[in-house]
Amino acid sequence: MTITTQPAGALVYLNDEEVGRSEVTVDFTWYGDYEVLIRKDGYATLNTHWTLRPPWYQIPPLDFVAEVLWPGQIVDARQREFTLQPQPPVANDALFERAMETRRTALDADGNAERPDVEP
C-alpha cells in the first residue's frame, strides 16, 4: 500500500506503528481496517481509517485459481492520498489559560492545592 499526502513529507503511522514519511510504500499481508495517523508541523493531525477490501480473485473459491493455477504472480497494490488541513493559529491568551488550567489540575491531584498561583 502506498500513502501520499498533500503536503508531502508528513510522518505516517499505521496501526500505531511509524512507517515513514510520505510518500511511503508498505507491504501488507492482511485485508481489513487500518488505523492511519498522519502528522506534520503546521498542519492538523489526521486520524482516520483505511479499509482494504479483498479483490474478487481473493474470494473463495476463486482464490484457489489465483494462487495455485494462475501461471504468473498477482500483485495487489493500493494507493491513497490524504490531504492535511493547516493548523489554525492558537491565541497566546488561550494557550496560557490552558497551561494554567493543566497546572491547577496537576496541583489538585497531588494534594498541594494550597500553593499560590503564579501569574506571569
N, C-alpha and C. Protein backbone atom coordinates (compact mmCIF):
# COMPACT_ATOMS: atom_id res chain seq x y z
N MET A 1 0.85 -1.16 0.00
CA MET A 1 0.00 0.00 0.00
C MET A 1 0.89 1.23 0.00
N THR A 2 0.49 2.22 -0.76
CA THR A 2 1.25 3.46 -0.86
C THR A 2 0.40 4.60 -0.34
N ILE A 3 0.98 5.39 0.55
CA ILE A 3 0.29 6.54 1.13
C ILE A 3 1.03 7.80 0.71
N THR A 4 0.29 8.71 0.09
CA THR A 4 0.83 10.02 -0.26
C THR A 4 0.02 11.07 0.49
N THR A 5 0.65 12.21 0.72
CA THR A 5 -0.04 13.29 1.42
C THR A 5 0.19 14.61 0.70
N GLN A 6 -0.76 15.50 0.91
CA GLN A 6 -0.62 16.89 0.49
C GLN A 6 -0.64 17.73 1.73
N PRO A 7 0.41 18.34 2.14
CA PRO A 7 1.74 18.41 1.53
C PRO A 7 2.55 17.13 1.80
N ALA A 8 3.57 16.94 0.98
CA ALA A 8 4.42 15.76 1.11
C ALA A 8 5.31 15.87 2.34
N GLY A 9 5.86 14.74 2.76
CA GLY A 9 6.82 14.72 3.86
C GLY A 9 6.21 14.57 5.23
N ALA A 10 4.93 14.24 5.31
CA ALA A 10 4.28 14.05 6.61
C ALA A 10 4.66 12.70 7.19
N LEU A 11 4.69 12.61 8.51
CA LEU A 11 5.01 11.38 9.22
C LEU A 11 3.76 10.51 9.25
N VAL A 12 3.89 9.23 8.83
CA VAL A 12 2.75 8.33 8.68
C VAL A 12 2.88 7.17 9.67
N TYR A 13 1.77 6.90 10.37
CA TYR A 13 1.67 5.76 11.28
C TYR A 13 0.54 4.86 10.79
N LEU A 14 0.77 3.55 10.80
CA LEU A 14 -0.27 2.56 10.51
C LEU A 14 -0.42 1.68 11.73
N ASN A 15 -1.64 1.62 12.27
CA ASN A 15 -1.92 0.82 13.46
C ASN A 15 -0.92 1.11 14.57
N ASP A 16 -0.69 2.38 14.84
CA ASP A 16 0.19 2.86 15.92
C ASP A 16 1.66 2.52 15.71
N GLU A 17 2.06 2.22 14.50
CA GLU A 17 3.46 1.93 14.20
C GLU A 17 3.95 2.90 13.12
N GLU A 18 5.04 3.60 13.41
CA GLU A 18 5.58 4.55 12.44
C GLU A 18 6.13 3.79 11.24
N VAL A 19 5.69 4.20 10.03
CA VAL A 19 6.15 3.52 8.81
C VAL A 19 6.99 4.41 7.92
N GLY A 20 7.06 5.71 8.20
CA GLY A 20 7.92 6.59 7.42
C GLY A 20 7.24 7.90 7.06
N ARG A 21 7.92 8.64 6.19
CA ARG A 21 7.39 9.92 5.71
C ARG A 21 6.80 9.73 4.32
N SER A 22 5.73 10.47 4.05
CA SER A 22 5.06 10.30 2.76
C SER A 22 5.93 10.90 1.65
N GLU A 23 5.91 10.32 0.56
CA GLU A 23 5.24 9.15 0.03
C GLU A 23 5.91 7.89 0.57
N VAL A 24 5.11 7.00 1.17
CA VAL A 24 5.64 5.80 1.78
C VAL A 24 4.88 4.59 1.25
N THR A 25 5.63 3.53 0.95
CA THR A 25 5.05 2.28 0.48
C THR A 25 5.34 1.19 1.50
N VAL A 26 4.29 0.46 1.90
CA VAL A 26 4.40 -0.58 2.91
C VAL A 26 3.77 -1.85 2.36
N ASP A 27 4.46 -2.97 2.55
CA ASP A 27 3.87 -4.26 2.17
C ASP A 27 2.76 -4.60 3.17
N PHE A 28 1.70 -5.22 2.68
CA PHE A 28 0.65 -5.66 3.59
C PHE A 28 0.28 -7.10 3.28
N THR A 29 -0.07 -7.83 4.34
CA THR A 29 -0.43 -9.23 4.22
C THR A 29 -1.92 -9.42 4.35
N TRP A 30 -2.56 -8.60 5.17
CA TRP A 30 -3.96 -8.80 5.51
C TRP A 30 -4.83 -7.68 4.97
N TYR A 31 -6.01 -8.06 4.54
CA TYR A 31 -7.03 -7.08 4.20
C TYR A 31 -7.78 -6.72 5.48
N GLY A 32 -8.44 -5.60 5.48
CA GLY A 32 -9.18 -5.19 6.66
C GLY A 32 -9.00 -3.72 6.93
N ASP A 33 -9.23 -3.34 8.18
CA ASP A 33 -9.22 -1.94 8.59
C ASP A 33 -7.86 -1.56 9.16
N TYR A 34 -7.28 -0.50 8.63
CA TYR A 34 -6.01 0.03 9.11
C TYR A 34 -6.25 1.40 9.71
N GLU A 35 -5.71 1.63 10.90
CA GLU A 35 -5.77 2.96 11.51
C GLU A 35 -4.62 3.78 10.94
N VAL A 36 -4.93 4.94 10.40
CA VAL A 36 -3.94 5.80 9.76
C VAL A 36 -3.85 7.10 10.56
N LEU A 37 -2.63 7.44 10.98
CA LEU A 37 -2.37 8.68 11.69
C LEU A 37 -1.28 9.41 10.93
N ILE A 38 -1.54 10.67 10.58
CA ILE A 38 -0.59 11.46 9.79
C ILE A 38 -0.33 12.78 10.50
N ARG A 39 0.97 13.10 10.67
CA ARG A 39 1.37 14.34 11.37
C ARG A 39 2.40 15.11 10.56
N LYS A 40 2.26 16.43 10.61
CA LYS A 40 3.25 17.32 10.01
C LYS A 40 3.15 18.66 10.73
N ASP A 41 4.32 19.24 11.04
CA ASP A 41 4.34 20.54 11.71
C ASP A 41 3.58 21.58 10.89
N GLY A 42 2.76 22.35 11.57
CA GLY A 42 1.99 23.40 10.92
C GLY A 42 0.66 22.93 10.36
N TYR A 43 0.36 21.62 10.52
CA TYR A 43 -0.89 21.06 9.99
C TYR A 43 -1.59 20.27 11.09
N ALA A 44 -2.91 20.22 11.01
CA ALA A 44 -3.69 19.46 11.98
C ALA A 44 -3.42 17.97 11.79
N THR A 45 -3.29 17.24 12.89
CA THR A 45 -3.08 15.80 12.84
C THR A 45 -4.32 15.13 12.26
N LEU A 46 -4.11 14.22 11.33
CA LEU A 46 -5.21 13.48 10.71
C LEU A 46 -5.23 12.07 11.27
N ASN A 47 -6.35 11.68 11.88
CA ASN A 47 -6.51 10.34 12.43
C ASN A 47 -7.74 9.73 11.77
N THR A 48 -7.52 8.71 10.94
CA THR A 48 -8.62 8.14 10.17
C THR A 48 -8.40 6.64 9.99
N HIS A 49 -9.29 6.01 9.25
CA HIS A 49 -9.18 4.58 8.96
C HIS A 49 -9.16 4.38 7.45
N TRP A 50 -8.50 3.31 7.04
CA TRP A 50 -8.46 2.92 5.63
C TRP A 50 -8.81 1.45 5.58
N THR A 51 -9.95 1.12 4.98
CA THR A 51 -10.39 -0.26 4.89
C THR A 51 -9.98 -0.84 3.55
N LEU A 52 -9.18 -1.91 3.60
CA LEU A 52 -8.76 -2.62 2.39
C LEU A 52 -9.65 -3.85 2.23
N ARG A 53 -10.45 -3.82 1.20
CA ARG A 53 -11.31 -4.97 0.92
C ARG A 53 -10.61 -5.88 -0.08
N PRO A 54 -10.77 -7.18 0.08
CA PRO A 54 -10.10 -8.10 -0.84
C PRO A 54 -10.68 -7.99 -2.25
N PRO A 55 -9.83 -8.11 -3.27
CA PRO A 55 -10.32 -8.10 -4.65
C PRO A 55 -11.06 -9.40 -4.96
N TRP A 56 -11.74 -9.43 -6.07
CA TRP A 56 -12.56 -10.58 -6.42
C TRP A 56 -11.75 -11.87 -6.49
N TYR A 57 -10.49 -11.80 -6.88
CA TYR A 57 -9.70 -13.02 -7.03
C TYR A 57 -9.16 -13.54 -5.69
N GLN A 58 -9.48 -12.89 -4.59
CA GLN A 58 -9.10 -13.37 -3.27
C GLN A 58 -10.28 -13.97 -2.51
N ILE A 59 -11.42 -14.07 -3.15
CA ILE A 59 -12.61 -14.62 -2.51
C ILE A 59 -12.72 -16.10 -2.87
N PRO A 60 -12.89 -16.98 -1.87
CA PRO A 60 -13.01 -18.42 -2.15
C PRO A 60 -14.22 -18.68 -3.04
N PRO A 61 -14.16 -19.57 -3.97
CA PRO A 61 -13.09 -20.48 -4.37
C PRO A 61 -12.18 -19.90 -5.45
N LEU A 62 -12.42 -18.64 -5.85
CA LEU A 62 -11.60 -18.04 -6.90
C LEU A 62 -10.15 -17.86 -6.45
N ASP A 63 -9.92 -17.76 -5.15
CA ASP A 63 -8.55 -17.58 -4.67
C ASP A 63 -7.68 -18.79 -5.00
N PHE A 64 -8.27 -19.98 -5.09
CA PHE A 64 -7.50 -21.17 -5.46
C PHE A 64 -6.93 -21.01 -6.86
N VAL A 65 -7.75 -20.52 -7.77
CA VAL A 65 -7.29 -20.31 -9.15
C VAL A 65 -6.19 -19.25 -9.18
N ALA A 66 -6.38 -18.15 -8.46
CA ALA A 66 -5.42 -17.05 -8.49
C ALA A 66 -4.10 -17.42 -7.84
N GLU A 67 -4.12 -18.25 -6.79
CA GLU A 67 -2.90 -18.55 -6.06
C GLU A 67 -2.20 -19.83 -6.53
N VAL A 68 -2.96 -20.79 -7.04
CA VAL A 68 -2.36 -22.09 -7.38
C VAL A 68 -2.27 -22.31 -8.88
N LEU A 69 -3.34 -22.05 -9.59
CA LEU A 69 -3.38 -22.40 -11.01
C LEU A 69 -2.90 -21.29 -11.94
N TRP A 70 -2.96 -20.06 -11.50
CA TRP A 70 -2.55 -18.94 -12.35
C TRP A 70 -1.05 -19.00 -12.57
N PRO A 71 -0.57 -18.89 -13.82
CA PRO A 71 0.87 -19.08 -14.08
C PRO A 71 1.75 -17.93 -13.59
N GLY A 72 1.22 -16.75 -13.46
CA GLY A 72 2.03 -15.60 -13.04
C GLY A 72 1.78 -15.25 -11.59
N GLN A 73 2.33 -14.13 -11.19
CA GLN A 73 2.14 -13.63 -9.83
C GLN A 73 1.23 -12.41 -9.89
N ILE A 74 0.23 -12.39 -9.03
CA ILE A 74 -0.69 -11.27 -8.97
C ILE A 74 -0.28 -10.38 -7.80
N VAL A 75 -0.09 -9.10 -8.07
CA VAL A 75 0.30 -8.14 -7.03
C VAL A 75 -0.86 -7.17 -6.82
N ASP A 76 -1.26 -7.04 -5.57
CA ASP A 76 -2.33 -6.11 -5.22
C ASP A 76 -1.69 -4.86 -4.63
N ALA A 77 -1.62 -3.80 -5.42
CA ALA A 77 -1.01 -2.54 -4.97
C ALA A 77 -2.12 -1.51 -4.78
N ARG A 78 -2.23 -0.99 -3.58
CA ARG A 78 -3.24 0.03 -3.27
C ARG A 78 -2.55 1.36 -3.03
N GLN A 79 -3.22 2.43 -3.42
CA GLN A 79 -2.67 3.77 -3.23
C GLN A 79 -3.77 4.70 -2.75
N ARG A 80 -3.41 5.57 -1.81
CA ARG A 80 -4.39 6.54 -1.32
C ARG A 80 -3.66 7.82 -0.95
N GLU A 81 -4.33 8.93 -1.23
CA GLU A 81 -3.77 10.24 -0.90
C GLU A 81 -4.62 10.89 0.19
N PHE A 82 -3.95 11.48 1.16
CA PHE A 82 -4.61 12.19 2.24
C PHE A 82 -4.19 13.66 2.18
N THR A 83 -5.14 14.56 2.42
CA THR A 83 -4.86 15.99 2.41
C THR A 83 -4.94 16.52 3.83
N LEU A 84 -3.86 17.15 4.27
CA LEU A 84 -3.81 17.73 5.61
C LEU A 84 -4.32 19.17 5.58
N GLN A 85 -4.99 19.56 6.64
CA GLN A 85 -5.51 20.92 6.77
C GLN A 85 -4.53 21.75 7.60
N PRO A 86 -4.31 23.01 7.23
CA PRO A 86 -3.41 23.85 8.03
C PRO A 86 -3.90 23.97 9.48
N GLN A 87 -2.95 23.98 10.39
CA GLN A 87 -3.27 24.13 11.82
C GLN A 87 -3.70 25.57 12.08
N PRO A 88 -4.87 25.77 12.66
CA PRO A 88 -5.27 27.15 12.95
C PRO A 88 -4.36 27.74 14.03
N PRO A 89 -4.07 29.03 13.93
CA PRO A 89 -3.20 29.64 14.95
C PRO A 89 -3.87 29.63 16.32
N VAL A 90 -3.07 29.42 17.35
CA VAL A 90 -3.57 29.41 18.72
C VAL A 90 -3.26 30.76 19.36
N ALA A 91 -4.27 31.37 19.92
CA ALA A 91 -4.08 32.65 20.59
C ALA A 91 -3.24 32.44 21.85
N ASN A 92 -2.29 33.34 22.09
CA ASN A 92 -1.41 33.21 23.25
C ASN A 92 -2.20 33.19 24.55
N ASP A 93 -3.24 34.00 24.65
CA ASP A 93 -4.04 34.02 25.88
C ASP A 93 -4.72 32.68 26.12
N ALA A 94 -5.27 32.08 25.07
CA ALA A 94 -5.92 30.78 25.20
C ALA A 94 -4.91 29.71 25.57
N LEU A 95 -3.74 29.76 24.98
CA LEU A 95 -2.69 28.79 25.29
C LEU A 95 -2.25 28.93 26.75
N PHE A 96 -2.06 30.15 27.21
CA PHE A 96 -1.67 30.38 28.60
C PHE A 96 -2.75 29.88 29.55
N GLU A 97 -4.01 30.15 29.24
CA GLU A 97 -5.11 29.72 30.10
C GLU A 97 -5.18 28.19 30.18
N ARG A 98 -4.98 27.51 29.07
CA ARG A 98 -4.95 26.04 29.08
C ARG A 98 -3.79 25.53 29.92
N ALA A 99 -2.64 26.18 29.83
CA ALA A 99 -1.48 25.76 30.63
C ALA A 99 -1.76 25.95 32.12
N MET A 100 -2.37 27.06 32.48
CA MET A 100 -2.68 27.31 33.89
C MET A 100 -3.72 26.31 34.40
N GLU A 101 -4.70 25.98 33.59
CA GLU A 101 -5.71 25.00 33.98
C GLU A 101 -5.08 23.63 34.19
N THR A 102 -4.17 23.26 33.31
CA THR A 102 -3.45 21.99 33.47
C THR A 102 -2.62 22.01 34.74
N ARG A 103 -1.99 23.12 35.02
CA ARG A 103 -1.18 23.25 36.24
C ARG A 103 -2.06 23.11 37.48
N ARG A 104 -3.22 23.79 37.48
CA ARG A 104 -4.13 23.69 38.63
C ARG A 104 -4.61 22.26 38.82
N THR A 105 -4.94 21.59 37.73
CA THR A 105 -5.39 20.20 37.81
C THR A 105 -4.30 19.31 38.38
N ALA A 106 -3.06 19.51 37.94
CA ALA A 106 -1.95 18.70 38.44
C ALA A 106 -1.71 18.96 39.92
N LEU A 107 -1.79 20.20 40.34
CA LEU A 107 -1.60 20.52 41.76
C LEU A 107 -2.71 19.92 42.61
N ASP A 108 -3.94 19.97 42.13
CA ASP A 108 -5.05 19.37 42.86
C ASP A 108 -4.88 17.87 42.99
N ALA A 109 -4.36 17.22 41.97
CA ALA A 109 -4.16 15.77 42.00
C ALA A 109 -3.08 15.39 43.01
N ASP A 110 -2.08 16.25 43.20
CA ASP A 110 -1.01 15.98 44.15
C ASP A 110 -1.41 16.32 45.58
N GLY A 111 -2.52 16.98 45.75
CA GLY A 111 -2.93 17.38 47.09
C GLY A 111 -2.24 18.64 47.56
N ASN A 112 -1.66 19.38 46.66
CA ASN A 112 -0.94 20.60 47.00
C ASN A 112 -1.69 21.82 46.48
N ALA A 113 -2.97 21.84 46.66
CA ALA A 113 -3.78 22.93 46.13
C ALA A 113 -3.54 24.24 46.86
N GLU A 114 -2.82 24.21 48.00
CA GLU A 114 -2.59 25.42 48.77
C GLU A 114 -1.55 26.32 48.14
N ARG A 115 -0.78 25.82 47.18
CA ARG A 115 0.25 26.65 46.54
C ARG A 115 -0.41 27.83 45.83
N PRO A 116 0.16 29.00 45.96
CA PRO A 116 -0.44 30.15 45.27
C PRO A 116 -0.19 30.06 43.76
N ASP A 117 -1.15 30.54 43.00
CA ASP A 117 -0.97 30.60 41.55
C ASP A 117 0.06 31.66 41.21
N VAL A 118 0.88 31.35 40.25
CA VAL A 118 1.91 32.29 39.80
C VAL A 118 1.43 32.90 38.50
N GLU A 119 1.36 34.20 38.48
CA GLU A 119 0.96 34.91 37.27
C GLU A 119 2.21 35.42 36.58
N PRO A 120 2.22 35.48 35.25
CA PRO A 120 3.41 35.94 34.52
C PRO A 120 3.66 37.42 34.69
